[in-house]
Amino acid sequence: MGHWLVGTECLAACRFALSPLVETVAAVGILAEIRPEPWRRHWLATHQPAFRAHLAAAPHSAAWLADRRPSDWPTVLRLPVPDPDADPRLLDLTALDLPPALTELLDWTWQHVVRPEWPARLHALRADLTARRERAAHHGWPAALPHLGPQHRWLPDGRLRLTAPDLPPHPITELLLVPTSARHGWLLPDASHARLAVVYPASAAPVPGPCTPPASLGRLLGSARAELLAALDRPRDTTQLAARTGLSPAAVDDHLTVLLDARLVAATSTPGRYYRTALTEALLSAQPG
């Protein structure tokens, strides 16, 4: 069991990086999950049929995926530490020492799934890291990144203890933070284990959906509740919903109580965050506008 202890000076000097490779690996993981998160239904309906058809034509890739859990892939793939100064619009697979079938699978996923969405993903990931920088400046890093995974802990003195069962502990000289759309984060050390990237789940799924509610839904539920449902195109908390809709946090709570009772909204496993249910997705898709 390896532990990294990240001091406050290292945290103060940390940098963010955006990685097309990390996002491509995350996309493969989401497409291959047996029990995906419910708010990804629409995205999966768009991409999963082509992904499954591709795997049917690539049995070696399919067998590799079937034998491993998505949470284990980063360790097995030995992804490089992202370069924070690299162009985040380009994916280079030539440096990876992977079997040809896996290289081809990552390239297919980048070309057919991630790359067409990359401007929207990049916008959302940048928004996430900007919000976390601002929160760290005002409230400290434990408030900015409270959920890094069950194995990692913020200590009372503001230091961060990172745990990786398969990696030896080592003093850290450089820390990078990499947002991703994956459900779980992971650690990416370099060969010396002194330079470490912490891949963390972004606060929301990175590909935005429509945020303007159909007028017919507003007439049915009321404009405020319709706006809340439109704003829940991805999981959000009360504060985010209040900022997005212009409602007060108290009003958001009142409307969410009604929507929860009607099973139009459900709570995530992270306390205080909500997403719209399949019933709401069906209701939205049935509206003429």
C-alpha atoms as a PDB file:
ATOM      1  CA  MET A   1       0.000   0.000   0.000  1.00  0.00           C
ATOM      2  CA  GLY A   2       1.586   3.259  -1.141  1.00  0.00           C
ATOM      3  CA  HIS A   3       0.869   6.689   0.281  1.00  0.00           C
ATOM      4  CA  TRP A   4       1.783  10.121  -1.058  1.00  0.00           C
ATOM      5  CA  LEU A   5       1.586  13.011   1.375  1.00  0.00           C
ATOM      6  CA  VAL A   6       1.051  16.275  -0.486  1.00  0.00           C
ATOM      7  CA  GLY A   7       2.018  19.338   1.525  1.00  0.00           C
ATOM      8  CA  THR A   8       0.427  22.751   1.370  1.00  0.00           C
ATOM      9  CA  GLU A   9       3.375  24.234  -0.582  1.00  0.00           C
ATOM     10  CA  CYS A  10       3.055  21.569  -3.279  1.00  0.00           C
ATOM     11  CA  LEU A  11      -0.695  22.162  -3.410  1.00  0.00           C
ATOM     12  CA  ALA A  12      -0.173  25.903  -3.770  1.00  0.00           C
ATOM     13  CA  ALA A  13       2.124  25.279  -6.751  1.00  0.00           C
ATOM     14  CA  CYS A  14      -0.057  22.640  -8.409  1.00  0.00           C
ATOM     15  CA  ARG A  15      -1.180  23.025 -12.013  1.00  0.00           C
ATOM     16  CA  PHE A  16      -4.151  21.789 -14.024  1.00  0.00           C
ATOM     17  CA  ALA A  17      -3.896  19.816 -17.255  1.00  0.00           C
ATOM     18  CA  LEU A  18      -6.501  18.866 -19.860  1.00  0.00           C
ATOM     19  CA  SER A  19      -5.924  15.514 -21.526  1.00  0.00           C
ATOM     20  CA  PRO A  20      -7.625  14.157 -24.668  1.00  0.00           C
ATOM     21  CA  LEU A  21      -6.085  10.767 -23.839  1.00  0.00           C
ATOM     22  CA  VAL A  22      -7.584  10.690 -20.340  1.00  0.00           C
ATOM     23  CA  GLU A  23     -10.979  11.668 -21.778  1.00  0.00           C
ATOM     24  CA  THR A  24     -10.762   8.988 -24.465  1.00  0.00           C
ATOM     25  CA  VAL A  25      -9.982   6.303 -21.873  1.00  0.00           C
ATOM     26  CA  ALA A  26     -12.862   7.659 -19.766  1.00  0.00           C
ATOM     27  CA  ALA A  27     -15.223   7.456 -22.753  1.00  0.00           C
ATOM     28  CA  VAL A  28     -14.289   3.824 -23.405  1.00  0.00           C
ATOM     29  CA  GLY A  29     -14.935   3.072 -19.730  1.00  0.00           C
ATOM     30  CA  ILE A  30     -18.360   4.708 -19.769  1.00  0.00           C
ATOM     31  CA  LEU A  31     -19.359   2.938 -23.004  1.00  0.00           C
ATOM     32  CA  ALA A  32     -18.283  -0.428 -21.568  1.00  0.00           C
ATOM     33  CA  GLU A  33     -19.852  -0.085 -18.108  1.00  0.00           C
ATOM     34  CA  ILE A  34     -22.493  -2.638 -17.169  1.00  0.00           C
ATOM     35  CA  ARG A  35     -24.351  -0.235 -14.854  1.00  0.00           C
ATOM     36  CA  PRO A  36     -23.720   3.275 -16.186  1.00  0.00           C
ATOM     37  CA  GLU A  37     -24.861   6.350 -14.320  1.00  0.00           C
ATOM     38  CA  PRO A  38     -28.507   7.081 -15.184  1.00  0.00           C
ATOM     39  CA  TRP A  39     -27.949  10.623 -16.462  1.00  0.00           C
ATOM     40  CA  ARG A  40     -25.773   9.241 -19.259  1.00  0.00           C
ATOM     41  CA  ARG A  41     -28.689   7.449 -20.960  1.00  0.00           C
ATOM     42  CA  HIS A  42     -29.060   9.898 -23.836  1.00  0.00           C
ATOM     43  CA  TRP A  43     -25.305  10.001 -24.503  1.00  0.00           C
ATOM     44  CA  LEU A  44     -25.086   6.205 -24.420  1.00  0.00           C
ATOM     45  CA  ALA A  45     -28.054   5.860 -26.775  1.00  0.00           C
ATOM     46  CA  THR A  46     -26.177   8.073 -29.221  1.00  0.00           C
ATOM     47  CA  HIS A  47     -22.811   6.279 -29.105  1.00  0.00           C
ATOM     48  CA  GLN A  48     -23.187   2.772 -27.688  1.00  0.00           C
ATOM     49  CA  PRO A  49     -24.650   1.019 -30.770  1.00  0.00           C
ATOM     50  CA  ALA A  50     -21.682   2.016 -32.937  1.00  0.00           C
ATOM     51  CA  PHE A  51     -19.256   1.167 -30.101  1.00  0.00           C
ATOM     52  CA  ARG A  52     -20.736  -2.317 -29.713  1.00  0.00           C
ATOM     53  CA  ALA A  53     -20.684  -2.851 -33.460  1.00  0.00           C
ATOM     54  CA  HIS A  54     -17.015  -1.886 -33.492  1.00  0.00           C
ATOM     55  CA  LEU A  55     -16.229  -4.339 -30.680  1.00  0.00           C
ATOM     56  CA  ALA A  56     -18.065  -7.106 -32.537  1.00  0.00           C
ATOM     57  CA  ALA A  57     -15.649  -6.575 -35.401  1.00  0.00           C
ATOM     58  CA  ALA A  58     -12.644  -6.384 -33.037  1.00  0.00           C
ATOM     59  CA  PRO A  59     -12.794  -9.498 -30.786  1.00  0.00           C
ATOM     60  CA  HIS A  60      -9.344  -8.945 -29.254  1.00  0.00           C
ATOM     61  CA  SER A  61     -10.359  -5.525 -27.950  1.00  0.00           C
ATOM     62  CA  ALA A  62     -13.670  -6.916 -26.720  1.00  0.00           C
ATOM     63  CA  ALA A  63     -11.900  -9.726 -24.851  1.00  0.00           C
ATOM     64  CA  TRP A  64      -9.482  -7.282 -23.224  1.00  0.00           C
ATOM     65  CA  LEU A  65     -12.369  -5.116 -22.008  1.00  0.00           C
ATOM     66  CA  ALA A  66     -14.336  -8.106 -20.739  1.00  0.00           C
ATOM     67  CA  ASP A  67     -11.425  -9.306 -18.592  1.00  0.00           C
ATOM     68  CA  ARG A  68     -10.866  -5.999 -16.767  1.00  0.00           C
ATOM     69  CA  ARG A  69     -12.874  -3.458 -14.813  1.00  0.00           C
ATOM     70  CA  PRO A  70     -12.809   0.117 -16.127  1.00  0.00           C
ATOM     71  CA  SER A  71     -11.398   1.298 -12.791  1.00  0.00           C
ATOM     72  CA  ASP A  72      -8.326  -0.913 -13.399  1.00  0.00           C
ATOM     73  CA  TRP A  73      -7.552   0.366 -16.889  1.00  0.00           C
ATOM     74  CA  PRO A  74      -5.389   3.381 -15.982  1.00  0.00           C
ATOM     75  CA  THR A  75      -2.967   1.200 -14.024  1.00  0.00           C
ATOM     76  CA  VAL A  76      -2.868  -1.474 -16.727  1.00  0.00           C
ATOM     77  CA  LEU A  77      -2.517   1.024 -19.565  1.00  0.00           C
ATOM     78  CA  ARG A  78       0.234   2.980 -17.756  1.00  0.00           C
ATOM     79  CA  LEU A  79      -0.905   6.280 -19.190  1.00  0.00           C
ATOM     80  CA  PRO A  80       1.705   9.055 -19.257  1.00  0.00           C
ATOM     81  CA  VAL A  81       1.435  12.110 -17.026  1.00  0.00           C
ATOM     82  CA  PRO A  82      -0.340  14.776 -19.116  1.00  0.00           C
ATOM     83  CA  ASP A  83       1.644  17.805 -20.219  1.00  0.00           C
ATOM     84  CA  PRO A  84      -0.118  20.954 -18.957  1.00  0.00           C
ATOM     85  CA  ASP A  85       1.509  22.971 -21.778  1.00  0.00           C
ATOM     86  CA  ALA A  86       0.474  20.629 -24.613  1.00  0.00           C
ATOM     87  CA  ASP A  87      -2.276  21.481 -27.094  1.00  0.00           C
ATOM     88  CA  PRO A  88      -5.398  19.928 -25.509  1.00  0.00           C
ATOM     89  CA  ARG A  89      -7.013  19.485 -28.923  1.00  0.00           C
ATOM     90  CA  LEU A  90      -4.578  16.808 -30.121  1.00  0.00           C
ATOM     91  CA  LEU A  91      -4.369  13.116 -29.232  1.00  0.00           C
ATOM     92  CA  ASP A  92      -1.033  11.347 -29.735  1.00  0.00           C
ATOM     93  CA  LEU A  93      -1.134   7.577 -29.299  1.00  0.00           C
ATOM     94  CA  THR A  94       2.299   6.890 -30.746  1.00  0.00           C
ATOM     95  CA  ALA A  95       4.067   7.163 -27.368  1.00  0.00           C
ATOM     96  CA  LEU A  96       1.907   4.478 -25.750  1.00  0.00           C
ATOM     97  CA  ASP A  97       3.286   0.945 -25.586  1.00  0.00           C
ATOM     98  CA  LEU A  98      -0.049  -0.794 -26.131  1.00  0.00           C
ATOM     99  CA  PRO A  99      -1.192  -3.811 -28.133  1.00  0.00           C
ATOM    100  CA  PRO A 100      -2.279  -2.753 -31.633  1.00  0.00           C
ATOM    101  CA  ALA A 101      -5.900  -3.709 -30.956  1.00  0.00           C
ATOM    102  CA  LEU A 102      -6.099  -1.368 -27.957  1.00  0.00           C
ATOM    103  CA  THR A 103      -4.395   1.459 -29.797  1.00  0.00           C
ATOM    104  CA  GLU A 104      -6.947   1.013 -32.560  1.00  0.00           C
ATOM    105  CA  LEU A 105      -9.830   1.013 -30.052  1.00  0.00           C
ATOM    106  CA  LEU A 106      -8.640   4.248 -28.446  1.00  0.00           C
ATOM    107  CA  ASP A 107      -8.150   5.828 -31.865  1.00  0.00           C
ATOM    108  CA  TRP A 108     -11.657   4.757 -32.949  1.00  0.00           C
ATOM    109  CA  THR A 109     -13.199   6.141 -29.748  1.00  0.00           C
ATOM    110  CA  TRP A 110     -11.356   9.438 -30.161  1.00  0.00           C
ATOM    111  CA  GLN A 111     -12.315   9.837 -33.822  1.00  0.00           C
ATOM    112  CA  HIS A 112     -15.965   8.740 -33.557  1.00  0.00           C
ATOM    113  CA  VAL A 113     -17.000   9.690 -30.005  1.00  0.00           C
ATOM    114  CA  VAL A 114     -14.729  12.161 -28.234  1.00  0.00           C
ATOM    115  CA  ARG A 115     -13.361  14.340 -31.027  1.00  0.00           C
ATOM    116  CA  PRO A 116     -16.766  15.442 -32.397  1.00  0.00           C
ATOM    117  CA  GLU A 117     -17.725  16.501 -28.844  1.00  0.00           C
ATOM    118  CA  TRP A 118     -14.338  17.902 -27.914  1.00  0.00           C
ATOM    119  CA  PRO A 119     -15.198  21.631 -28.073  1.00  0.00           C
ATOM    120  CA  ALA A 120     -18.110  21.087 -25.646  1.00  0.00           C
ATOM    121  CA  ARG A 121     -16.042  18.792 -23.433  1.00  0.00           C
ATOM    122  CA  LEU A 122     -13.127  21.211 -23.378  1.00  0.00           C
ATOM    123  CA  HIS A 123     -15.431  24.102 -22.480  1.00  0.00           C
ATOM    124  CA  ALA A 124     -16.989  22.183 -19.585  1.00  0.00           C
ATOM    125  CA  LEU A 125     -13.675  20.846 -18.266  1.00  0.00           C
ATOM    126  CA  ARG A 126     -12.152  24.321 -18.346  1.00  0.00           C
ATOM    127  CA  ALA A 127     -15.190  25.656 -16.512  1.00  0.00           C
ATOM    128  CA  ASP A 128     -14.708  22.962 -13.869  1.00  0.00           C
ATOM    129  CA  LEU A 129     -11.057  23.744 -13.240  1.00  0.00           C
ATOM    130  CA  THR A 130     -11.734  27.505 -13.222  1.00  0.00           C
ATOM    131  CA  ALA A 131     -14.431  27.046 -10.583  1.00  0.00           C
ATOM    132  CA  ARG A 132     -12.114  24.881  -8.485  1.00  0.00           C
ATOM    133  CA  ARG A 133      -9.281  27.405  -8.692  1.00  0.00           C
ATOM    134  CA  GLU A 134     -11.614  30.144  -7.499  1.00  0.00           C
ATOM    135  CA  ARG A 135     -12.969  28.006  -4.679  1.00  0.00           C
ATOM    136  CA  ALA A 136      -9.454  27.048  -3.591  1.00  0.00           C
ATOM    137  CA  ALA A 137      -8.450  30.707  -3.515  1.00  0.00           C
ATOM    138  CA  HIS A 138     -11.372  31.590  -1.229  1.00  0.00           C
ATOM    139  CA  HIS A 139     -11.894  28.425   0.835  1.00  0.00           C
ATOM    140  CA  GLY A 140      -8.804  26.217   0.417  1.00  0.00           C
ATOM    141  CA  TRP A 141      -8.116  23.054  -1.573  1.00  0.00           C
ATOM    142  CA  PRO A 142     -10.108  20.673   0.677  1.00  0.00           C
ATOM    143  CA  ALA A 143     -13.226  22.686  -0.200  1.00  0.00           C
ATOM    144  CA  ALA A 144     -12.295  22.877  -3.886  1.00  0.00           C
ATOM    145  CA  LEU A 145     -11.664  19.129  -4.286  1.00  0.00           C
ATOM    146  CA  PRO A 146     -13.566  17.415  -1.482  1.00  0.00           C
ATOM    147  CA  HIS A 147     -14.269  14.126  -3.318  1.00  0.00           C
ATOM    148  CA  LEU A 148     -11.104  12.620  -4.761  1.00  0.00           C
ATOM    149  CA  GLY A 149     -12.027   9.019  -4.029  1.00  0.00           C
ATOM    150  CA  PRO A 150     -12.587   6.756  -1.021  1.00  0.00           C
ATOM    151  CA  GLN A 151      -8.889   5.981  -0.608  1.00  0.00           C
ATOM    152  CA  HIS A 152      -7.717   9.587  -0.448  1.00  0.00           C
ATOM    153  CA  ARG A 153      -7.999  11.827   2.596  1.00  0.00           C
ATOM    154  CA  TRP A 154      -7.654  15.502   3.415  1.00  0.00           C
ATOM    155  CA  LEU A 155      -5.829  15.863   6.738  1.00  0.00           C
ATOM    156  CA  PRO A 156      -6.813  18.476   9.358  1.00  0.00           C
ATOM    157  CA  ASP A 157      -3.701  20.567   8.636  1.00  0.00           C
ATOM    158  CA  GLY A 158      -4.651  20.976   4.957  1.00  0.00           C
ATOM    159  CA  ARG A 159      -2.328  18.315   3.566  1.00  0.00           C
ATOM    160  CA  LEU A 160      -3.570  15.643   1.157  1.00  0.00           C
ATOM    161  CA  ARG A 161      -2.865  11.937   1.621  1.00  0.00           C
ATOM    162  CA  LEU A 162      -3.166   9.958  -1.610  1.00  0.00           C
ATOM    163  CA  THR A 163      -3.267   6.164  -1.513  1.00  0.00           C
ATOM    164  CA  ALA A 164      -2.476   3.734  -4.330  1.00  0.00           C
ATOM    165  CA  PRO A 165      -2.288   0.028  -3.434  1.00  0.00           C
ATOM    166  CA  ASP A 166      -0.015  -0.917  -6.349  1.00  0.00           C
ATOM    167  CA  LEU A 167       2.419   1.996  -6.281  1.00  0.00           C
ATOM    168  CA  PRO A 168       5.352   2.684  -3.925  1.00  0.00           C
ATOM    169  CA  PRO A 169       5.275   5.907  -1.864  1.00  0.00           C
ATOM    170  CA  HIS A 170       7.560   8.712  -2.933  1.00  0.00           C
ATOM    171  CA  PRO A 171       8.012  12.431  -2.179  1.00  0.00           C
ATOM    172  CA  ILE A 172       6.172  14.593  -4.720  1.00  0.00           C
ATOM    173  CA  THR A 173       7.932  17.472  -6.445  1.00  0.00           C
ATOM    174  CA  GLU A 174       5.143  18.385  -8.876  1.00  0.00           C
ATOM    175  CA  LEU A 175       1.382  17.853  -8.669  1.00  0.00           C
ATOM    176  CA  LEU A 176      -1.013  18.064 -11.608  1.00  0.00           C
ATOM    177  CA  LEU A 177      -4.807  18.022 -11.413  1.00  0.00           C
ATOM    178  CA  VAL A 178      -6.659  16.563 -14.402  1.00  0.00           C
ATOM    179  CA  PRO A 179     -10.481  16.756 -14.646  1.00  0.00           C
ATOM    180  CA  THR A 180     -12.278  13.896 -16.393  1.00  0.00           C
ATOM    181  CA  SER A 181     -15.790  12.744 -17.178  1.00  0.00           C
ATOM    182  CA  ALA A 182     -15.069   9.278 -15.728  1.00  0.00           C
ATOM    183  CA  ARG A 183     -17.047   8.152 -12.697  1.00  0.00           C
ATOM    184  CA  HIS A 184     -13.878   7.571 -10.655  1.00  0.00           C
ATOM    185  CA  GLY A 185     -10.484   9.239 -10.674  1.00  0.00           C
ATOM    186  CA  TRP A 186      -7.040   7.674 -10.542  1.00  0.00           C
ATOM    187  CA  LEU A 187      -3.364   8.518 -10.004  1.00  0.00           C
ATOM    188  CA  LEU A 188      -0.803   8.871 -12.800  1.00  0.00           C
ATOM    189  CA  PRO A 189       2.803   8.969 -11.577  1.00  0.00           C
ATOM    190  CA  ASP A 190       5.762   9.434 -13.893  1.00  0.00           C
ATOM    191  CA  ALA A 191       8.645   6.960 -13.980  1.00  0.00           C
ATOM    192  CA  SER A 192      10.338   8.572 -10.982  1.00  0.00           C
ATOM    193  CA  HIS A 193       7.054   8.728  -8.997  1.00  0.00           C
ATOM    194  CA  ALA A 194       8.041  12.289  -8.028  1.00  0.00           C
ATOM    195  CA  ARG A 195       5.721  13.912 -10.577  1.00  0.00           C
ATOM    196  CA  LEU A 196       2.111  12.932 -10.014  1.00  0.00           C
ATOM    197  CA  ALA A 197      -1.158  13.636 -11.798  1.00  0.00           C
ATOM    198  CA  VAL A 198      -4.407  13.279  -9.871  1.00  0.00           C
ATOM    199  CA  VAL A 199      -7.230  12.544 -12.303  1.00  0.00           C
ATOM    200  CA  TYR A 200     -10.465  13.567 -10.606  1.00  0.00           C
ATOM    201  CA  PRO A 201     -14.137  13.367 -11.662  1.00  0.00           C
ATOM    202  CA  ALA A 202     -15.365  16.722 -12.924  1.00  0.00           C
ATOM    203  CA  SER A 203     -18.382  18.163 -11.156  1.00  0.00           C
ATOM    204  CA  ALA A 204     -20.658  17.245 -14.054  1.00  0.00           C
ATOM    205  CA  ALA A 205     -20.798  15.166 -17.184  1.00  0.00           C
ATOM    206  CA  PRO A 206     -18.918  17.278 -19.719  1.00  0.00           C
ATOM    207  CA  VAL A 207     -21.198  17.243 -22.757  1.00  0.00           C
ATOM    208  CA  PRO A 208     -24.037  19.704 -22.215  1.00  0.00           C
ATOM    209  CA  GLY A 209     -27.568  19.076 -23.334  1.00  0.00           C
ATOM    210  CA  PRO A 210     -30.338  21.585 -23.990  1.00  0.00           C
ATOM    211  CA  CYS A 211     -30.910  24.025 -21.116  1.00  0.00           C
ATOM    212  CA  THR A 212     -34.024  25.838 -22.367  1.00  0.00           C
ATOM    213  CA  PRO A 213     -37.251  24.067 -21.356  1.00  0.00           C
ATOM    214  CA  PRO A 214     -39.978  23.584 -23.972  1.00  0.00           C
ATOM    215  CA  ALA A 215     -42.787  26.119 -23.553  1.00  0.00           C
ATOM    216  CA  SER A 216     -45.307  23.281 -23.289  1.00  0.00           C
ATOM    217  CA  LEU A 217     -43.456  21.857 -20.273  1.00  0.00           C
ATOM    218  CA  GLY A 218     -43.571  25.270 -18.604  1.00  0.00           C
ATOM    219  CA  ARG A 219     -47.324  25.380 -19.062  1.00  0.00           C
ATOM    220  CA  LEU A 220     -47.622  21.893 -17.570  1.00  0.00           C
ATOM    221  CA  LEU A 221     -45.331  22.211 -14.538  1.00  0.00           C
ATOM    222  CA  GLY A 222     -44.807  25.941 -14.150  1.00  0.00           C
ATOM    223  CA  SER A 223     -41.876  27.893 -15.533  1.00  0.00           C
ATOM    224  CA  ALA A 224     -39.650  27.540 -12.440  1.00  0.00           C
ATOM    225  CA  ARG A 225     -39.882  23.743 -12.266  1.00  0.00           C
ATOM    226  CA  ALA A 226     -39.485  23.442 -16.020  1.00  0.00           C
ATOM    227  CA  GLU A 227     -36.298  25.535 -15.826  1.00  0.00           C
ATOM    228  CA  LEU A 228     -34.967  23.373 -13.018  1.00  0.00           C
ATOM    229  CA  LEU A 229     -35.532  20.224 -15.069  1.00  0.00           C
ATOM    230  CA  ALA A 230     -33.793  21.804 -18.048  1.00  0.00           C
ATOM    231  CA  ALA A 231     -30.864  22.825 -15.824  1.00  0.00           C
ATOM    232  CA  LEU A 232     -30.520  19.222 -14.641  1.00  0.00           C
ATOM    233  CA  ASP A 233     -29.134  18.087 -17.991  1.00  0.00           C
ATOM    234  CA  ARG A 234     -26.329  16.897 -15.728  1.00  0.00           C
ATOM    235  CA  PRO A 235     -26.093  16.390 -11.934  1.00  0.00           C
ATOM    236  CA  ARG A 236     -26.098  19.686 -10.029  1.00  0.00           C
ATOM    237  CA  ASP A 237     -26.502  20.834  -6.440  1.00  0.00           C
ATOM    238  CA  THR A 238     -28.864  23.464  -5.057  1.00  0.00           C
ATOM    239  CA  THR A 239     -26.313  26.269  -5.295  1.00  0.00           C
ATOM    240  CA  GLN A 240     -25.567  25.515  -8.940  1.00  0.00           C
ATOM    241  CA  LEU A 241     -29.282  25.318  -9.755  1.00  0.00           C
ATOM    242  CA  ALA A 242     -29.957  28.623  -8.031  1.00  0.00           C
ATOM    243  CA  ALA A 243     -27.174  30.319 -10.002  1.00  0.00           C
ATOM    244  CA  ARG A 244     -28.363  28.776 -13.261  1.00  0.00           C
ATOM    245  CA  THR A 245     -32.061  29.597 -12.883  1.00  0.00           C
ATOM    246  CA  GLY A 246     -31.973  32.815 -10.868  1.00  0.00           C
ATOM    247  CA  LEU A 247     -34.148  31.281  -8.139  1.00  0.00           C
ATOM    248  CA  SER A 248     -33.208  31.555  -4.478  1.00  0.00           C
ATOM    249  CA  PRO A 249     -31.705  28.409  -2.876  1.00  0.00           C
ATOM    250  CA  ALA A 250     -34.823  28.131  -0.669  1.00  0.00           C
ATOM    251  CA  ALA A 251     -37.095  28.228  -3.715  1.00  0.00           C
ATOM    252  CA  VAL A 252     -34.936  25.618  -5.448  1.00  0.00           C
ATOM    253  CA  ASP A 253     -35.262  23.344  -2.406  1.00  0.00           C
ATOM    254  CA  ASP A 254     -39.053  23.753  -2.386  1.00  0.00           C
ATOM    255  CA  HIS A 255     -39.380  22.940  -6.091  1.00  0.00           C
ATOM    256  CA  LEU A 256     -36.963  19.994  -5.816  1.00  0.00           C
ATOM    257  CA  THR A 257     -39.103  18.516  -3.039  1.00  0.00           C
ATOM    258  CA  VAL A 258     -42.101  18.507  -5.388  1.00  0.00           C
ATOM    259  CA  LEU A 259     -40.075  17.113  -8.285  1.00  0.00           C
ATOM    260  CA  LEU A 260     -38.589  14.382  -6.075  1.00  0.00           C
ATOM    261  CA  ASP A 261     -42.056  13.370  -4.889  1.00  0.00           C
ATOM    262  CA  ALA A 262     -43.211  13.201  -8.524  1.00  0.00           C
ATOM    263  CA  ARG A 263     -40.156  11.047  -9.417  1.00  0.00           C
ATOM    264  CA  LEU A 264     -39.076  13.554 -12.023  1.00  0.00           C
ATOM    265  CA  VAL A 265     -35.811  14.129 -10.145  1.00  0.00           C
ATOM    266  CA  ALA A 266     -33.591  11.762  -8.154  1.00  0.00           C
ATOM    267  CA  ALA A 267     -30.633  12.256  -5.828  1.00  0.00           C
ATOM    268  CA  THR A 268     -27.134  11.063  -6.729  1.00  0.00           C
ATOM    269  CA  SER A 269     -24.901   9.072  -4.402  1.00  0.00           C
ATOM    270  CA  THR A 270     -23.125  12.355  -3.605  1.00  0.00           C
ATOM    271  CA  PRO A 271     -25.282  14.146  -1.001  1.00  0.00           C
ATOM    272  CA  GLY A 272     -27.007  17.298  -2.173  1.00  0.00           C
ATOM    273  CA  ARG A 273     -26.793  16.666  -5.922  1.00  0.00           C
ATOM    274  CA  TYR A 274     -29.695  15.782  -8.217  1.00  0.00           C
ATOM    275  CA  TYR A 275     -30.367  14.578 -11.749  1.00  0.00           C
ATOM    276  CA  ARG A 276     -33.462  14.146 -13.874  1.00  0.00           C
ATOM    277  CA  THR A 277     -34.915  10.668 -14.198  1.00  0.00           C
ATOM    278  CA  ALA A 278     -35.787   8.584 -17.265  1.00  0.00           C
ATOM    279  CA  LEU A 279     -39.402   9.705 -16.794  1.00  0.00           C
ATOM    280  CA  THR A 280     -38.316  13.319 -17.205  1.00  0.00           C
ATOM    281  CA  GLU A 281     -36.162  12.486 -20.224  1.00  0.00           C
ATOM    282  CA  ALA A 282     -39.187  10.871 -21.861  1.00  0.00           C
ATOM    283  CA  LEU A 283     -41.344  13.844 -20.939  1.00  0.00           C
ATOM    284  CA  LEU A 284     -38.842  16.304 -22.403  1.00  0.00           C
ATOM    285  CA  SER A 285     -38.402  14.337 -25.620  1.00  0.00           C
ATOM    286  CA  ALA A 286     -42.174  14.216 -26.099  1.00  0.00           C
ATOM    287  CA  GLN A 287     -42.621  17.989 -25.940  1.00  0.00           C
ATOM    288  CA  PRO A 288     -43.169  19.824 -29.247  1.00  0.00           C
ATOM    289  CA  GLY A 289     -41.289  22.917 -28.040  1.00  0.00           C
END
